[in-house]
Amino acid sequence: MGFWRDNFLRKQTSFEVIGGRNYFKKSLGNVYHMIQIKEKGEGVVKIKGKLYYFLGAFKEEKYKRSAGKAATGAIVGGLLTGGVGAIAGAAIGGRKKDNSTFWMDFVDYETKQEFSVQVKQGSGQFSQISNFKVANPIDIGLEK
């Protein structure tokens, strides 16, 4: 009874690995479940039954604007309502698309091997991941 309650109260999230150096045990669809393990120290997480130091997550922001969609929006808007419609159509058709990439950094708890994985962007996922405690590289014997 206590086991389930303890796991329920811990910080946990899931993520899908889409790139980088994935040293986790293989998982169906590259989806992993991460649980914070406070008893082992600051920034220690468990993934697929193995411990890792979590060094943090960051977002590499990239945005893309479609020139073709902006031009199409301008033409349609211009045909329907004139000059003002062309401006509005271009703005609506050429909205920015978020092509940002998300990265998570880990260190194997036993071997001290560092690696980074690129994770798939999910709604609200980055804010969940950024709430996890981060290990201090100096405390775990890394020169950073």
N, C-alpha and C. Protein backbone atom coordinates (compact mmCIF):
# COMPACT_ATOMS: atom_id res chain seq x y z
N MET A 1 0.82 -1.19 0.00
CA MET A 1 0.00 0.00 0.00
C MET A 1 0.87 1.26 0.00
N GLY A 2 1.91 1.27 0.82
CA GLY A 2 2.80 2.42 0.89
C GLY A 2 3.58 2.64 -0.38
N PHE A 3 3.95 1.56 -1.08
CA PHE A 3 4.71 1.66 -2.33
C PHE A 3 3.96 2.50 -3.36
N TRP A 4 2.70 2.19 -3.58
CA TRP A 4 1.91 2.92 -4.59
C TRP A 4 1.73 4.37 -4.19
N ARG A 5 1.49 4.62 -2.91
CA ARG A 5 1.28 5.98 -2.45
C ARG A 5 2.57 6.79 -2.61
N ASP A 6 3.73 6.21 -2.28
CA ASP A 6 5.00 6.91 -2.40
C ASP A 6 5.31 7.26 -3.85
N ASN A 7 5.09 6.31 -4.78
CA ASN A 7 5.33 6.58 -6.20
C ASN A 7 4.37 7.63 -6.73
N PHE A 8 3.15 7.63 -6.25
CA PHE A 8 2.16 8.60 -6.71
C PHE A 8 2.55 10.02 -6.30
N LEU A 9 3.17 10.17 -5.12
CA LEU A 9 3.52 11.49 -4.61
C LEU A 9 4.82 12.04 -5.21
N ARG A 10 5.63 11.23 -5.85
CA ARG A 10 6.90 11.68 -6.44
C ARG A 10 6.66 12.42 -7.74
N LYS A 11 7.60 13.33 -8.05
CA LYS A 11 7.54 14.01 -9.34
C LYS A 11 7.84 12.99 -10.42
N GLN A 12 7.01 12.99 -11.45
CA GLN A 12 7.23 12.06 -12.54
C GLN A 12 6.64 12.63 -13.83
N THR A 13 7.20 12.20 -14.94
CA THR A 13 6.72 12.62 -16.26
C THR A 13 7.16 11.59 -17.28
N SER A 14 6.58 11.66 -18.44
CA SER A 14 6.96 10.80 -19.56
C SER A 14 7.48 11.67 -20.69
N PHE A 15 8.37 11.10 -21.50
CA PHE A 15 8.88 11.83 -22.65
C PHE A 15 9.25 10.83 -23.74
N GLU A 16 9.26 11.32 -24.98
CA GLU A 16 9.61 10.48 -26.13
C GLU A 16 10.93 10.97 -26.71
N VAL A 17 11.90 10.08 -26.81
CA VAL A 17 13.21 10.41 -27.36
C VAL A 17 13.15 10.33 -28.88
N ILE A 18 13.58 11.41 -29.56
CA ILE A 18 13.57 11.42 -31.02
C ILE A 18 14.96 11.64 -31.61
N GLY A 19 15.97 11.84 -30.76
CA GLY A 19 17.32 12.04 -31.27
C GLY A 19 18.34 12.11 -30.15
N GLY A 20 19.57 12.38 -30.52
CA GLY A 20 20.65 12.46 -29.55
C GLY A 20 21.27 11.09 -29.30
N ARG A 21 22.05 11.01 -28.21
CA ARG A 21 22.69 9.74 -27.83
C ARG A 21 21.85 9.08 -26.75
N ASN A 22 21.01 8.17 -27.14
CA ASN A 22 20.09 7.52 -26.21
C ASN A 22 20.76 6.29 -25.58
N TYR A 23 21.19 6.43 -24.32
CA TYR A 23 21.81 5.32 -23.60
C TYR A 23 20.83 4.66 -22.63
N PHE A 24 19.55 5.02 -22.71
CA PHE A 24 18.56 4.35 -21.88
C PHE A 24 18.31 2.95 -22.42
N LYS A 25 17.80 2.07 -21.57
CA LYS A 25 17.39 0.74 -22.04
C LYS A 25 16.30 0.95 -23.08
N LYS A 26 16.30 0.13 -24.11
CA LYS A 26 15.32 0.27 -25.19
C LYS A 26 13.90 0.23 -24.65
N SER A 27 13.05 1.06 -25.27
CA SER A 27 11.67 1.15 -24.85
C SER A 27 10.77 1.20 -26.08
N LEU A 28 9.60 0.64 -25.98
CA LEU A 28 8.65 0.62 -27.07
C LEU A 28 8.30 2.05 -27.48
N GLY A 29 8.57 2.39 -28.71
CA GLY A 29 8.26 3.74 -29.21
C GLY A 29 9.16 4.82 -28.66
N ASN A 30 10.27 4.43 -28.02
CA ASN A 30 11.19 5.38 -27.39
C ASN A 30 10.52 6.30 -26.38
N VAL A 31 9.49 5.80 -25.72
CA VAL A 31 8.80 6.56 -24.67
C VAL A 31 9.32 6.09 -23.32
N TYR A 32 9.70 7.05 -22.49
CA TYR A 32 10.30 6.75 -21.18
C TYR A 32 9.54 7.48 -20.08
N HIS A 33 9.57 6.88 -18.91
CA HIS A 33 8.92 7.44 -17.73
C HIS A 33 10.01 7.80 -16.73
N MET A 34 10.04 9.05 -16.29
CA MET A 34 11.09 9.54 -15.38
C MET A 34 10.47 9.86 -14.02
N ILE A 35 11.09 9.33 -12.97
CA ILE A 35 10.62 9.56 -11.60
C ILE A 35 11.77 10.14 -10.79
N GLN A 36 11.50 11.20 -10.04
CA GLN A 36 12.53 11.81 -9.19
C GLN A 36 12.72 10.95 -7.94
N ILE A 37 14.00 10.63 -7.61
CA ILE A 37 14.34 9.80 -6.45
C ILE A 37 15.14 10.66 -5.47
N LYS A 38 14.47 11.28 -4.53
CA LYS A 38 15.12 12.20 -3.59
C LYS A 38 16.08 11.48 -2.64
N GLU A 39 15.77 10.22 -2.33
CA GLU A 39 16.57 9.48 -1.35
C GLU A 39 18.01 9.29 -1.81
N LYS A 40 18.26 9.30 -3.11
CA LYS A 40 19.60 9.06 -3.65
C LYS A 40 20.40 10.34 -3.84
N GLY A 41 19.77 11.49 -3.63
CA GLY A 41 20.49 12.75 -3.76
C GLY A 41 19.79 13.73 -4.69
N GLU A 42 20.31 14.92 -4.72
CA GLU A 42 19.76 16.00 -5.53
C GLU A 42 19.89 15.70 -7.02
N GLY A 43 18.78 15.74 -7.74
CA GLY A 43 18.81 15.57 -9.18
C GLY A 43 18.88 14.14 -9.66
N VAL A 44 18.62 13.15 -8.80
CA VAL A 44 18.66 11.75 -9.22
C VAL A 44 17.26 11.33 -9.67
N VAL A 45 17.22 10.69 -10.85
CA VAL A 45 15.95 10.21 -11.40
C VAL A 45 16.10 8.74 -11.77
N LYS A 46 14.96 8.06 -11.87
CA LYS A 46 14.95 6.66 -12.28
C LYS A 46 14.20 6.57 -13.60
N ILE A 47 14.85 5.91 -14.58
CA ILE A 47 14.25 5.69 -15.89
C ILE A 47 14.48 4.22 -16.24
N LYS A 48 13.41 3.49 -16.51
CA LYS A 48 13.47 2.05 -16.84
C LYS A 48 14.26 1.27 -15.79
N GLY A 49 14.05 1.60 -14.51
CA GLY A 49 14.67 0.87 -13.43
C GLY A 49 16.12 1.22 -13.14
N LYS A 50 16.69 2.16 -13.86
CA LYS A 50 18.09 2.54 -13.68
C LYS A 50 18.18 4.00 -13.24
N LEU A 51 19.20 4.31 -12.43
CA LEU A 51 19.37 5.67 -11.91
C LEU A 51 20.26 6.52 -12.81
N TYR A 52 19.90 7.79 -12.90
CA TYR A 52 20.65 8.78 -13.67
C TYR A 52 20.64 10.10 -12.90
N TYR A 53 21.67 10.90 -13.11
CA TYR A 53 21.65 12.28 -12.65
C TYR A 53 21.00 13.10 -13.76
N PHE A 54 20.06 13.94 -13.41
CA PHE A 54 19.39 14.80 -14.38
C PHE A 54 20.09 16.16 -14.32
N LEU A 55 20.70 16.56 -15.43
CA LEU A 55 21.45 17.82 -15.48
C LEU A 55 20.63 18.98 -16.02
N GLY A 56 19.42 18.72 -16.45
CA GLY A 56 18.55 19.80 -16.90
C GLY A 56 18.00 19.59 -18.29
N ALA A 57 17.12 20.51 -18.65
CA ALA A 57 16.49 20.47 -19.97
C ALA A 57 16.52 21.88 -20.53
N PHE A 58 16.63 21.96 -21.84
CA PHE A 58 16.59 23.28 -22.45
C PHE A 58 15.88 23.22 -23.79
N LYS A 59 15.40 24.37 -24.19
CA LYS A 59 14.65 24.49 -25.44
C LYS A 59 15.47 25.32 -26.41
N GLU A 60 15.72 24.75 -27.58
CA GLU A 60 16.40 25.46 -28.65
C GLU A 60 15.30 26.04 -29.53
N GLU A 61 15.04 27.34 -29.37
CA GLU A 61 13.90 27.95 -30.06
C GLU A 61 14.18 28.19 -31.53
N LYS A 62 13.25 27.73 -32.35
CA LYS A 62 13.30 27.94 -33.80
C LYS A 62 11.87 28.16 -34.28
N TYR A 63 11.71 29.14 -35.12
CA TYR A 63 10.39 29.40 -35.68
C TYR A 63 10.50 29.46 -37.19
N LYS A 64 9.45 29.04 -37.86
CA LYS A 64 9.43 29.00 -39.32
C LYS A 64 8.18 29.71 -39.79
N ARG A 65 8.34 30.53 -40.81
CA ARG A 65 7.21 31.23 -41.39
C ARG A 65 7.07 30.76 -42.83
N SER A 66 5.87 30.41 -43.23
CA SER A 66 5.63 29.91 -44.57
C SER A 66 5.31 31.08 -45.51
N ALA A 67 6.23 31.35 -46.44
CA ALA A 67 6.03 32.44 -47.40
C ALA A 67 4.88 32.11 -48.34
N GLY A 68 4.75 30.85 -48.71
CA GLY A 68 3.68 30.44 -49.61
C GLY A 68 2.30 30.66 -49.01
N LYS A 69 2.15 30.31 -47.74
CA LYS A 69 0.86 30.51 -47.08
C LYS A 69 0.57 32.00 -46.89
N ALA A 70 1.60 32.79 -46.64
CA ALA A 70 1.41 34.24 -46.49
C ALA A 70 0.94 34.83 -47.81
N ALA A 71 1.56 34.42 -48.91
CA ALA A 71 1.17 34.93 -50.23
C ALA A 71 -0.26 34.51 -50.57
N THR A 72 -0.60 33.26 -50.30
CA THR A 72 -1.96 32.79 -50.56
C THR A 72 -2.97 33.57 -49.73
N GLY A 73 -2.65 33.80 -48.46
CA GLY A 73 -3.54 34.58 -47.60
C GLY A 73 -3.72 36.00 -48.10
N ALA A 74 -2.65 36.60 -48.60
CA ALA A 74 -2.72 37.96 -49.11
C ALA A 74 -3.58 38.03 -50.36
N ILE A 75 -3.44 37.06 -51.24
CA ILE A 75 -4.23 37.05 -52.48
C ILE A 75 -5.72 36.87 -52.17
N VAL A 76 -6.04 35.90 -51.35
CA VAL A 76 -7.44 35.65 -51.00
C VAL A 76 -8.03 36.85 -50.26
N GLY A 77 -7.27 37.39 -49.29
CA GLY A 77 -7.76 38.56 -48.55
C GLY A 77 -7.94 39.77 -49.45
N GLY A 78 -7.03 39.96 -50.39
CA GLY A 78 -7.12 41.08 -51.32
C GLY A 78 -8.29 40.95 -52.25
N LEU A 79 -8.57 39.75 -52.73
CA LEU A 79 -9.70 39.53 -53.62
C LEU A 79 -11.03 39.77 -52.92
N LEU A 80 -11.10 39.37 -51.64
CA LEU A 80 -12.36 39.48 -50.92
C LEU A 80 -12.65 40.89 -50.41
N THR A 81 -11.62 41.57 -49.89
CA THR A 81 -11.90 42.85 -49.24
C THR A 81 -10.97 43.97 -49.66
N GLY A 82 -10.12 43.79 -50.61
CA GLY A 82 -9.23 44.88 -51.04
C GLY A 82 -7.93 44.89 -50.28
N GLY A 83 -7.30 46.08 -50.23
CA GLY A 83 -5.96 46.25 -49.67
C GLY A 83 -5.84 45.85 -48.21
N VAL A 84 -6.82 46.24 -47.39
CA VAL A 84 -6.76 45.90 -45.97
C VAL A 84 -6.86 44.39 -45.79
N GLY A 85 -7.68 43.74 -46.59
CA GLY A 85 -7.82 42.28 -46.53
C GLY A 85 -6.55 41.58 -46.92
N ALA A 86 -5.80 42.15 -47.86
CA ALA A 86 -4.53 41.55 -48.29
C ALA A 86 -3.53 41.55 -47.14
N ILE A 87 -3.48 42.64 -46.40
CA ILE A 87 -2.56 42.73 -45.26
C ILE A 87 -2.96 41.72 -44.18
N ALA A 88 -4.26 41.69 -43.87
CA ALA A 88 -4.74 40.77 -42.85
C ALA A 88 -4.53 39.31 -43.29
N GLY A 89 -4.82 39.03 -44.56
CA GLY A 89 -4.65 37.67 -45.08
C GLY A 89 -3.22 37.22 -45.04
N ALA A 90 -2.27 38.12 -45.35
CA ALA A 90 -0.85 37.79 -45.30
C ALA A 90 -0.42 37.49 -43.87
N ALA A 91 -0.93 38.28 -42.92
CA ALA A 91 -0.57 38.08 -41.51
C ALA A 91 -1.11 36.75 -40.99
N ILE A 92 -2.34 36.43 -41.34
CA ILE A 92 -2.95 35.19 -40.86
C ILE A 92 -2.31 33.98 -41.56
N GLY A 93 -2.09 34.08 -42.87
CA GLY A 93 -1.52 32.97 -43.62
C GLY A 93 -0.08 32.70 -43.28
N GLY A 94 0.66 33.72 -42.85
CA GLY A 94 2.09 33.56 -42.58
C GLY A 94 2.44 33.48 -41.12
N ARG A 95 1.55 32.91 -40.30
CA ARG A 95 1.84 32.78 -38.87
C ARG A 95 3.08 31.94 -38.64
N LYS A 96 3.76 32.23 -37.54
CA LYS A 96 4.97 31.48 -37.21
C LYS A 96 4.60 30.09 -36.69
N LYS A 97 5.37 29.09 -37.15
CA LYS A 97 5.22 27.73 -36.66
C LYS A 97 6.40 27.44 -35.74
N ASP A 98 6.11 26.90 -34.58
CA ASP A 98 7.15 26.60 -33.60
C ASP A 98 7.85 25.30 -33.99
N ASN A 99 9.11 25.39 -34.41
CA ASN A 99 9.93 24.22 -34.75
C ASN A 99 11.03 24.02 -33.71
N SER A 100 10.78 24.42 -32.49
CA SER A 100 11.79 24.34 -31.43
C SER A 100 12.12 22.88 -31.12
N THR A 101 13.33 22.67 -30.66
CA THR A 101 13.74 21.35 -30.23
C THR A 101 14.02 21.37 -28.73
N PHE A 102 13.74 20.26 -28.08
CA PHE A 102 13.93 20.13 -26.65
C PHE A 102 15.00 19.10 -26.38
N TRP A 103 15.91 19.42 -25.46
CA TRP A 103 17.02 18.54 -25.11
C TRP A 103 17.02 18.30 -23.61
N MET A 104 17.40 17.08 -23.21
CA MET A 104 17.56 16.74 -21.80
C MET A 104 18.96 16.15 -21.62
N ASP A 105 19.65 16.58 -20.57
CA ASP A 105 21.00 16.12 -20.29
C ASP A 105 21.01 15.20 -19.06
N PHE A 106 21.74 14.09 -19.19
CA PHE A 106 21.82 13.09 -18.11
C PHE A 106 23.25 12.63 -17.92
N VAL A 107 23.50 12.04 -16.75
CA VAL A 107 24.75 11.34 -16.46
C VAL A 107 24.36 10.01 -15.83
N ASP A 108 24.94 8.92 -16.34
CA ASP A 108 24.69 7.61 -15.76
C ASP A 108 25.17 7.62 -14.31
N TYR A 109 24.34 7.15 -13.40
CA TYR A 109 24.62 7.18 -11.96
C TYR A 109 25.86 6.37 -11.61
N GLU A 110 26.07 5.25 -12.29
CA GLU A 110 27.19 4.36 -11.95
C GLU A 110 28.46 4.69 -12.74
N THR A 111 28.33 4.85 -14.05
CA THR A 111 29.51 5.02 -14.91
C THR A 111 29.94 6.47 -15.09
N LYS A 112 29.09 7.40 -14.74
CA LYS A 112 29.32 8.86 -14.89
C LYS A 112 29.43 9.27 -16.37
N GLN A 113 28.87 8.47 -17.27
CA GLN A 113 28.88 8.81 -18.69
C GLN A 113 27.78 9.84 -18.96
N GLU A 114 28.18 10.96 -19.59
CA GLU A 114 27.25 12.04 -19.91
C GLU A 114 26.62 11.79 -21.27
N PHE A 115 25.35 12.17 -21.41
CA PHE A 115 24.69 12.10 -22.72
C PHE A 115 23.49 13.03 -22.75
N SER A 116 23.11 13.40 -23.96
CA SER A 116 21.95 14.27 -24.18
C SER A 116 21.00 13.60 -25.15
N VAL A 117 19.71 13.76 -24.90
CA VAL A 117 18.71 13.23 -25.81
C VAL A 117 17.78 14.36 -26.24
N GLN A 118 17.36 14.28 -27.49
CA GLN A 118 16.37 15.22 -28.00
C GLN A 118 15.01 14.60 -27.76
N VAL A 119 14.09 15.37 -27.20
CA VAL A 119 12.77 14.83 -26.88
C VAL A 119 11.70 15.54 -27.70
N LYS A 120 10.62 14.81 -27.95
CA LYS A 120 9.50 15.34 -28.72
C LYS A 120 8.77 16.36 -27.87
N GLN A 121 8.39 17.43 -28.52
CA GLN A 121 7.66 18.50 -27.84
C GLN A 121 6.24 18.04 -27.57
N GLY A 122 5.82 18.17 -26.32
CA GLY A 122 4.45 17.85 -25.94
C GLY A 122 3.82 19.04 -25.24
N SER A 123 2.52 19.12 -25.24
CA SER A 123 1.86 20.27 -24.63
C SER A 123 2.10 20.26 -23.12
N GLY A 124 2.73 21.29 -22.61
CA GLY A 124 3.00 21.42 -21.19
C GLY A 124 4.12 20.53 -20.68
N GLN A 125 4.67 19.70 -21.55
CA GLN A 125 5.69 18.74 -21.12
C GLN A 125 6.96 19.44 -20.65
N PHE A 126 7.38 20.47 -21.36
CA PHE A 126 8.63 21.13 -21.01
C PHE A 126 8.53 21.77 -19.62
N SER A 127 7.39 22.33 -19.28
CA SER A 127 7.25 22.92 -17.95
C SER A 127 7.27 21.85 -16.87
N GLN A 128 6.72 20.66 -17.15
CA GLN A 128 6.80 19.55 -16.18
C GLN A 128 8.24 19.13 -15.96
N ILE A 129 8.98 18.96 -17.05
CA ILE A 129 10.37 18.51 -16.97
C ILE A 129 11.23 19.54 -16.26
N SER A 130 10.99 20.82 -16.52
CA SER A 130 11.82 21.85 -15.91
C SER A 130 11.55 22.01 -14.41
N ASN A 131 10.51 21.37 -13.88
CA ASN A 131 10.24 21.40 -12.44
C ASN A 131 11.05 20.35 -11.67
N PHE A 132 11.74 19.45 -12.36
CA PHE A 132 12.55 18.43 -11.70
C PHE A 132 13.81 19.08 -11.12
N LYS A 133 14.26 18.56 -9.98
CA LYS A 133 15.52 19.02 -9.39
C LYS A 133 16.67 18.63 -10.30
N VAL A 134 17.67 19.50 -10.39
CA VAL A 134 18.82 19.28 -11.26
C VAL A 134 20.04 18.99 -10.41
N ALA A 135 20.83 18.02 -10.84
CA ALA A 135 22.06 17.67 -10.13
C ALA A 135 23.13 18.70 -10.42
N ASN A 136 23.96 18.97 -9.44
CA ASN A 136 25.09 19.88 -9.60
C ASN A 136 26.27 19.06 -10.15
N PRO A 137 26.78 19.41 -11.35
CA PRO A 137 27.86 18.61 -11.95
C PRO A 137 29.10 18.48 -11.06
N ILE A 138 29.39 19.49 -10.28
CA ILE A 138 30.57 19.44 -9.41
C ILE A 138 30.35 18.41 -8.28
N ASP A 139 29.14 18.35 -7.75
CA ASP A 139 28.82 17.41 -6.67
C ASP A 139 28.94 15.95 -7.10
N ILE A 140 28.77 15.68 -8.40
CA ILE A 140 28.84 14.28 -8.87
C ILE A 140 30.17 13.96 -9.52
N GLY A 141 31.12 14.87 -9.40
CA GLY A 141 32.47 14.60 -9.86
C GLY A 141 32.75 14.98 -11.30
N LEU A 142 31.93 15.83 -11.88
CA LEU A 142 32.19 16.29 -13.25
C LEU A 142 32.84 17.67 -13.20
N GLU A 143 33.76 17.91 -14.07
CA GLU A 143 34.47 19.19 -14.10
C GLU A 143 33.73 20.19 -14.97
N LYS A 144 32.73 20.87 -14.43
CA LYS A 144 31.98 21.88 -15.21
C LYS A 144 31.83 23.13 -14.43
